[in-house]
Amino acid sequence: MNVKDKVKKAWRPLVGVGVTVVLILWSAGVLREKVPPGTVAVDVGMPVAPDAARYRVAVEAFAPRLDVVGTVASSEMVHLGARLGAYVKNVSVSAGQHVKQGDVLLTLDDREIQEQVLAAEAQLQQAESEYKRAQQLFDKQAATDQALTAAEAAFHSAQAHAERARVMRTYAVITAPIDGIVTDRRVEVGDLANPGQVLLSVYDPDRMRLEAPVPVRLVEKLALDQSVTVELDRPGGSFTGRVAQIVSEIDPASRTQLVKVRIESGAARILPGTFGRLWVPDEPRDAILVPGSAIYRVGQLEMVQVVRDGRAIRRAVQTGARLEDRIEVVSGLAAGDEILLQPVQTSTAR
């Protein structure tokens, strides 16, 4: 190997090391011009279209309504019970069925009562014959006044006993006491009905009312025959009602008084037991109200989008009472703020 080849062979590793060192220095930025630290301006929010609907926040007088939870019931609910012990012979109606006053709902086995009626009528006939015979004997002065009085008493007693047996026979047929709807059918054919046992219930669907325990401090804001708003879950919506009764007793546990509100509109569609709310007006105060469309939710947070310098910026708010299509904003907005009525639904509107 000549000298020239030896030199080339010796320089190859050195060239490789040099290239590696240059690459390391370049990667570390040693061979580039350094940029001093600073801040970069970033536009916050999203651009707002010039024709986007906006709302300027203002403070105004607000009379909030407080909701009181209650339950719907019929003011005329009749529970039909057995007045004698007997087996159920026939049930003519089912739950949910409309009935008219006097319709036969249920019959009981009355064979035993029929026997009692026949026995009582036989005793009555015998007592009547004895009474007539005693009268005849007394008229002929063949019987004493005491014997006539005893026969008369026995006759009247037999009359009462027979009448009582006839009345008991009517208890075997249970009829509808009112026009209404059958609910809560508790027996079937063959069941044993005991005296005092509730067999069926009938309610008037046109006389529904909401019964709500109202806090004592709010009761004074209600008066008899006052028009109020009732909101129900089924059928959903608001209904007009009038205060029919304010129970003059305070529940010591909850410090409430029971208020019964007669529902005037659409009562026939409402079922007993429906969950409802009674809206009670509270004292007026200054508040910020915004249209409900301006508020939206992100997870558990309530948000609005404030317009600033032509851009929509998200802001968390806390809401309070609702007044028709407007919602009270307790915190997060101030008078003069401008918000979007239809927020930009995008994750980049920061």
Protein backbone atom coordinates (compact mmCIF):
# COMPACT_ATOMS: atom_id res chain seq x y z
CA MET A 1 0.00 0.00 0.00
CA ASN A 2 1.49 3.38 -1.02
CA VAL A 3 1.56 6.50 1.11
CA LYS A 4 -1.42 8.11 -0.63
CA ASP A 5 -3.70 5.19 0.16
CA LYS A 6 -2.55 5.20 3.78
CA VAL A 7 -3.46 8.90 4.12
CA LYS A 8 -6.94 8.36 2.68
CA LYS A 9 -7.54 5.47 5.03
CA ALA A 10 -6.49 7.53 8.06
CA TRP A 11 -8.71 10.55 7.22
CA ARG A 12 -12.00 8.68 6.71
CA PRO A 13 -12.76 8.22 10.44
CA LEU A 14 -11.87 11.83 11.13
CA VAL A 15 -14.29 13.06 8.44
CA GLY A 16 -17.07 10.93 9.93
CA VAL A 17 -16.44 12.34 13.42
CA GLY A 18 -16.45 15.86 12.07
CA VAL A 19 -19.76 15.43 10.27
CA THR A 20 -21.31 13.97 13.42
CA VAL A 21 -20.11 16.92 15.52
CA VAL A 22 -21.56 19.38 13.01
CA LEU A 23 -24.95 17.63 13.05
CA ILE A 24 -25.06 17.68 16.85
CA LEU A 25 -24.23 21.38 16.96
CA TRP A 26 -26.89 22.11 14.32
CA SER A 27 -29.52 20.17 16.19
CA ALA A 28 -28.71 22.05 19.39
CA GLY A 29 -29.15 25.37 17.58
CA VAL A 30 -25.57 26.48 18.08
CA LEU A 31 -25.06 27.19 14.38
CA ARG A 32 -28.44 29.05 14.02
CA GLU A 33 -29.45 32.56 14.97
CA LYS A 34 -31.31 32.57 18.29
CA VAL A 35 -34.78 34.17 18.59
CA PRO A 36 -35.32 36.07 21.83
CA PRO A 37 -38.33 34.88 24.00
CA GLY A 38 -41.63 36.73 23.67
CA THR A 39 -45.41 36.35 23.33
CA VAL A 40 -47.51 35.57 20.30
CA ALA A 41 -50.91 37.23 19.98
CA VAL A 42 -53.78 34.70 19.73
CA ASP A 43 -57.37 35.73 19.04
CA VAL A 44 -59.70 34.40 21.74
CA GLY A 45 -63.05 32.94 20.81
CA MET A 46 -64.72 32.57 17.47
CA PRO A 47 -65.60 35.19 14.86
CA VAL A 48 -69.19 36.42 15.04
CA ALA A 49 -71.21 37.00 11.89
CA PRO A 50 -72.32 40.62 11.50
CA ASP A 51 -75.99 39.59 11.35
CA ALA A 52 -75.85 37.29 14.39
CA ALA A 53 -78.70 37.93 16.86
CA ARG A 54 -77.43 39.53 20.07
CA TYR A 55 -78.86 40.55 23.43
CA ARG A 56 -77.61 43.34 25.67
CA VAL A 57 -77.78 42.47 29.35
CA ALA A 58 -79.64 44.85 31.67
CA VAL A 59 -80.86 44.87 35.27
CA GLU A 60 -84.64 44.94 35.64
CA ALA A 61 -87.31 44.41 38.27
CA PHE A 62 -88.16 40.73 38.56
CA ALA A 63 -90.91 39.03 40.55
CA PRO A 64 -89.74 35.41 40.73
CA ARG A 65 -92.02 32.40 41.10
CA LEU A 66 -91.10 29.66 43.53
CA ASP A 67 -92.22 26.13 42.75
CA VAL A 68 -93.79 23.95 45.42
CA VAL A 69 -93.98 20.23 44.71
CA GLY A 70 -97.37 18.56 45.03
CA THR A 71 -99.53 15.63 43.96
CA VAL A 72 -102.74 15.55 41.94
CA ALA A 73 -105.88 14.01 43.45
CA SER A 74 -109.59 14.16 42.73
CA SER A 75 -111.70 16.24 45.07
CA GLU A 76 -114.35 13.52 44.79
CA MET A 77 -112.80 10.10 45.29
CA VAL A 78 -115.13 7.42 46.68
CA HIS A 79 -113.74 4.20 48.17
CA LEU A 80 -116.34 1.44 48.01
CA GLY A 81 -116.06 -1.12 50.77
CA ALA A 82 -117.87 -4.28 51.80
CA ARG A 83 -120.55 -3.96 54.47
CA LEU A 84 -120.92 -7.67 54.99
CA GLY A 85 -118.76 -10.77 54.84
CA ALA A 86 -119.35 -12.74 51.64
CA TYR A 87 -117.58 -14.17 48.62
CA VAL A 88 -117.31 -12.04 45.47
CA LYS A 89 -119.78 -13.36 42.91
CA ASN A 90 -119.14 -11.03 39.97
CA VAL A 91 -117.00 -7.99 39.10
CA SER A 92 -118.50 -5.99 36.22
CA VAL A 93 -115.82 -3.32 35.72
CA SER A 94 -112.08 -2.95 35.33
CA ALA A 95 -109.68 -0.24 36.42
CA GLY A 96 -109.80 2.76 34.10
CA GLN A 97 -113.38 2.12 32.98
CA HIS A 98 -115.87 5.00 32.87
CA VAL A 99 -119.09 4.38 34.80
CA LYS A 100 -122.36 6.22 35.40
CA GLN A 101 -124.05 6.75 38.74
CA GLY A 102 -126.08 3.64 39.60
CA ASP A 103 -124.14 1.22 37.39
CA VAL A 104 -123.58 -2.18 39.02
CA LEU A 105 -119.88 -2.56 39.76
CA LEU A 106 -119.70 -5.70 41.88
CA THR A 107 -122.00 -8.31 43.40
CA LEU A 108 -121.48 -10.56 46.41
CA ASP A 109 -122.85 -14.04 47.10
CA ASP A 110 -126.17 -13.29 48.87
CA ARG A 111 -127.57 -16.81 49.40
CA GLU A 112 -127.10 -16.67 53.15
CA ILE A 113 -128.73 -13.25 53.32
CA GLN A 114 -131.66 -14.46 51.21
CA GLU A 115 -132.27 -17.19 53.79
CA GLN A 116 -132.17 -14.61 56.56
CA VAL A 117 -134.70 -12.48 54.65
CA LEU A 118 -137.07 -15.43 54.22
CA ALA A 119 -136.77 -16.33 57.91
CA ALA A 120 -137.38 -12.72 58.98
CA GLU A 121 -140.43 -12.41 56.72
CA ALA A 122 -141.85 -15.66 58.13
CA GLN A 123 -141.39 -14.37 61.66
CA LEU A 124 -143.06 -11.12 60.62
CA GLN A 125 -146.10 -12.96 59.28
CA GLN A 126 -146.41 -14.97 62.48
CA ALA A 127 -146.01 -11.86 64.66
CA GLU A 128 -148.62 -10.01 62.56
CA SER A 129 -151.10 -12.89 63.00
CA GLU A 130 -150.51 -12.95 66.76
CA TYR A 131 -151.01 -9.19 66.95
CA LYS A 132 -154.29 -9.30 65.00
CA ARG A 133 -155.56 -12.19 67.19
CA ALA A 134 -154.65 -10.28 70.35
CA GLN A 135 -156.56 -7.25 69.08
CA GLN A 136 -159.63 -9.34 68.41
CA LEU A 137 -159.49 -10.92 71.85
CA PHE A 138 -158.98 -7.55 73.49
CA ASP A 139 -162.00 -6.11 71.64
CA LYS A 140 -164.06 -9.00 73.05
CA GLN A 141 -162.54 -8.36 76.49
CA ALA A 142 -161.00 -11.85 76.33
CA ALA A 143 -157.40 -10.59 76.58
CA THR A 144 -155.68 -8.16 78.88
CA ASP A 145 -154.14 -4.86 77.84
CA GLN A 146 -150.74 -6.29 78.78
CA ALA A 147 -151.14 -9.19 76.31
CA LEU A 148 -152.11 -6.79 73.52
CA THR A 149 -149.09 -4.57 74.22
CA ALA A 150 -146.75 -7.57 74.17
CA ALA A 151 -148.17 -8.78 70.84
CA GLU A 152 -147.86 -5.31 69.34
CA ALA A 153 -144.24 -5.02 70.49
CA ALA A 154 -143.42 -8.44 69.02
CA PHE A 155 -144.99 -7.39 65.71
CA HIS A 156 -143.01 -4.14 65.46
CA SER A 157 -139.80 -5.98 66.39
CA ALA A 158 -140.42 -8.53 63.64
CA GLN A 159 -141.03 -5.66 61.18
CA ALA A 160 -137.70 -4.05 62.07
CA HIS A 161 -135.86 -7.36 61.83
CA ALA A 162 -137.34 -8.07 58.39
CA GLU A 163 -136.52 -4.59 57.14
CA ARG A 164 -132.96 -4.92 58.41
CA ALA A 165 -132.60 -8.24 56.53
CA ARG A 166 -133.89 -6.61 53.33
CA VAL A 167 -131.39 -3.75 53.70
CA MET A 168 -128.56 -6.23 54.27
CA ARG A 169 -129.56 -7.92 51.01
CA THR A 170 -128.96 -4.64 49.13
CA TYR A 171 -125.38 -4.58 50.43
CA ALA A 172 -124.61 -7.54 48.18
CA VAL A 173 -124.89 -5.27 45.11
CA ILE A 174 -122.37 -2.42 44.94
CA THR A 175 -123.22 0.37 42.50
CA ALA A 176 -121.37 3.49 41.34
CA PRO A 177 -122.18 6.43 43.65
CA ILE A 178 -121.05 9.03 41.08
CA ASP A 179 -120.19 9.43 37.41
CA GLY A 180 -116.49 8.76 37.15
CA ILE A 181 -113.64 6.37 36.46
CA VAL A 182 -112.92 3.15 38.32
CA THR A 183 -109.49 2.88 39.86
CA ASP A 184 -107.73 0.58 42.28
CA ARG A 185 -109.73 -2.64 41.74
CA ARG A 186 -108.64 -4.84 44.64
CA VAL A 187 -110.73 -8.01 44.35
CA GLU A 188 -111.50 -10.76 41.88
CA VAL A 189 -114.31 -13.30 41.57
CA GLY A 190 -114.08 -15.83 44.38
CA ASP A 191 -112.27 -13.57 46.85
CA LEU A 192 -113.71 -13.26 50.34
CA ALA A 193 -114.85 -9.71 51.07
CA ASN A 194 -114.73 -8.73 54.73
CA PRO A 195 -116.73 -5.90 56.31
CA GLY A 196 -114.83 -2.63 55.96
CA GLN A 197 -112.55 -3.91 53.21
CA VAL A 198 -112.13 -1.49 50.26
CA LEU A 199 -113.07 -3.29 47.04
CA LEU A 200 -113.08 -0.54 44.40
CA SER A 201 -112.54 3.20 44.10
CA VAL A 202 -114.24 5.68 41.77
CA TYR A 203 -113.10 9.24 41.14
CA ASP A 204 -114.52 12.21 39.23
CA PRO A 205 -112.01 13.15 36.47
CA ASP A 206 -113.55 16.62 36.05
CA ARG A 207 -112.71 17.69 39.61
CA MET A 208 -108.95 17.24 39.80
CA ARG A 209 -106.81 19.34 42.11
CA LEU A 210 -103.17 19.71 43.08
CA GLU A 211 -102.41 19.29 46.77
CA ALA A 212 -99.12 20.96 47.70
CA PRO A 213 -97.48 21.59 51.11
CA VAL A 214 -96.59 25.29 50.87
CA PRO A 215 -93.97 26.80 53.23
CA VAL A 216 -95.55 29.04 55.83
CA ARG A 217 -93.74 32.17 54.58
CA LEU A 218 -95.36 31.74 51.16
CA VAL A 219 -98.90 30.92 52.30
CA GLU A 220 -99.70 34.59 52.88
CA LYS A 221 -99.09 35.21 49.16
CA LEU A 222 -102.02 32.92 48.30
CA ALA A 223 -105.72 33.60 48.77
CA LEU A 224 -108.90 31.62 48.23
CA ASP A 225 -110.14 31.73 44.62
CA GLN A 226 -106.80 33.21 43.49
CA SER A 227 -105.73 32.23 39.96
CA VAL A 228 -102.39 30.37 39.93
CA THR A 229 -100.26 28.38 37.51
CA VAL A 230 -99.80 24.63 37.90
CA GLU A 231 -97.19 22.63 35.99
CA LEU A 232 -97.64 18.88 35.60
CA ASP A 233 -95.46 16.05 34.34
CA ARG A 234 -98.32 14.10 32.70
CA PRO A 235 -99.71 15.50 30.57
CA GLY A 236 -96.72 17.81 30.45
CA GLY A 237 -97.36 21.52 30.44
CA SER A 238 -98.84 24.38 32.40
CA PHE A 239 -102.44 24.53 33.58
CA THR A 240 -104.59 27.23 35.11
CA GLY A 241 -105.87 26.63 38.60
CA ARG A 242 -107.65 28.36 41.46
CA VAL A 243 -106.93 28.06 45.15
CA ALA A 244 -109.86 26.06 46.54
CA GLN A 245 -108.70 25.41 50.09
CA ILE A 246 -105.90 26.38 52.48
CA VAL A 247 -105.80 23.94 55.37
CA SER A 248 -105.68 25.90 58.64
CA GLU A 249 -103.10 23.63 60.24
CA ILE A 250 -99.31 23.83 60.11
CA ASP A 251 -97.26 20.66 59.82
CA PRO A 252 -94.77 20.98 62.71
CA ALA A 253 -92.20 18.79 60.96
CA SER A 254 -92.02 20.62 57.62
CA ARG A 255 -93.47 24.01 58.66
CA THR A 256 -95.91 23.91 55.75
CA GLN A 257 -99.64 24.28 55.16
CA LEU A 258 -101.51 22.12 52.68
CA VAL A 259 -102.94 24.13 49.79
CA LYS A 260 -105.46 22.54 47.41
CA VAL A 261 -105.69 24.05 43.94
CA ARG A 262 -108.59 23.19 41.63
CA ILE A 263 -107.33 22.61 38.10
CA GLU A 264 -109.62 24.35 35.64
CA SER A 265 -108.20 23.53 32.21
CA GLY A 266 -107.82 19.99 30.88
CA ALA A 267 -108.59 18.33 34.22
CA ALA A 268 -110.22 15.28 32.60
CA ARG A 269 -106.89 14.21 31.08
CA ILE A 270 -105.05 14.18 34.41
CA LEU A 271 -104.58 11.01 36.44
CA PRO A 272 -104.61 10.87 40.25
CA GLY A 273 -101.11 10.73 41.71
CA THR A 274 -99.54 12.86 38.96
CA PHE A 275 -96.47 14.83 40.06
CA GLY A 276 -96.92 18.59 39.79
CA ARG A 277 -95.62 21.99 40.83
CA LEU A 278 -97.49 24.99 42.16
CA TRP A 279 -95.88 28.31 41.21
CA VAL A 280 -96.09 30.86 44.03
CA PRO A 281 -95.09 34.50 43.37
CA ASP A 282 -92.27 35.85 45.55
CA GLU A 283 -91.20 39.40 46.44
CA PRO A 284 -89.93 41.43 43.42
CA ARG A 285 -86.21 42.26 43.20
CA ASP A 286 -83.62 43.56 40.75
CA ALA A 287 -82.22 40.80 38.56
CA ILE A 288 -80.61 39.98 35.23
CA LEU A 289 -82.87 38.04 32.87
CA VAL A 290 -81.69 36.62 29.55
CA PRO A 291 -83.51 34.59 26.89
CA GLY A 292 -83.31 30.87 27.52
CA SER A 293 -81.85 30.26 24.05
CA ALA A 294 -78.67 32.13 25.04
CA ILE A 295 -77.78 29.57 27.72
CA TYR A 296 -76.37 26.15 26.90
CA ARG A 297 -74.64 23.40 28.84
CA VAL A 298 -71.14 21.99 28.64
CA GLY A 299 -71.14 18.98 30.91
CA GLN A 300 -72.37 20.24 34.27
CA LEU A 301 -71.62 23.89 33.46
CA GLU A 302 -74.08 26.48 32.17
CA MET A 303 -72.51 28.78 29.58
CA VAL A 304 -73.21 31.88 27.52
CA GLN A 305 -71.14 33.46 24.76
CA VAL A 306 -70.19 37.08 25.33
CA VAL A 307 -69.50 39.18 22.24
CA ARG A 308 -66.28 41.23 22.50
CA ASP A 309 -64.42 42.86 19.60
CA GLY A 310 -66.44 40.89 17.10
CA ARG A 311 -65.68 37.49 18.66
CA ALA A 312 -67.75 35.09 20.82
CA ILE A 313 -66.13 34.16 24.14
CA ARG A 314 -67.50 31.45 26.41
CA ARG A 315 -68.36 32.40 29.96
CA ALA A 316 -69.72 30.22 32.77
CA VAL A 317 -72.86 31.49 34.52
CA GLN A 318 -75.08 30.45 37.38
CA THR A 319 -78.83 30.55 36.79
CA GLY A 320 -81.78 30.96 39.08
CA ALA A 321 -85.53 31.20 38.57
CA ARG A 322 -87.27 30.91 35.22
CA LEU A 323 -89.90 33.33 33.92
CA GLU A 324 -91.61 31.87 30.85
CA ASP A 325 -88.89 31.91 28.13
CA ARG A 326 -86.36 33.91 30.16
CA ILE A 327 -83.94 32.73 32.84
CA GLU A 328 -82.43 34.65 35.74
CA VAL A 329 -78.60 34.81 35.74
CA VAL A 330 -77.36 35.00 39.31
CA SER A 331 -73.65 35.36 38.50
CA GLY A 332 -71.37 35.53 35.47
CA LEU A 333 -72.90 38.52 33.67
CA ALA A 334 -73.09 42.24 34.31
CA ALA A 335 -75.26 45.02 32.92
CA GLY A 336 -73.99 46.10 29.52
CA ASP A 337 -72.61 42.72 28.46
CA GLU A 338 -73.63 41.61 24.99
CA ILE A 339 -74.35 37.91 24.42
CA LEU A 340 -75.33 35.75 21.49
CA LEU A 341 -78.94 34.59 21.36
CA GLN A 342 -77.86 31.51 19.38
CA PRO A 343 -74.41 30.46 20.71
CA VAL A 344 -71.77 29.06 18.38
CA GLN A 345 -71.75 25.37 19.26
CA THR A 346 -68.06 24.54 18.82
CA SER A 347 -65.31 23.39 21.13
CA THR A 348 -62.96 26.13 19.85
CA ALA A 349 -65.08 29.01 21.21
CA ARG A 350 -62.91 29.48 24.29
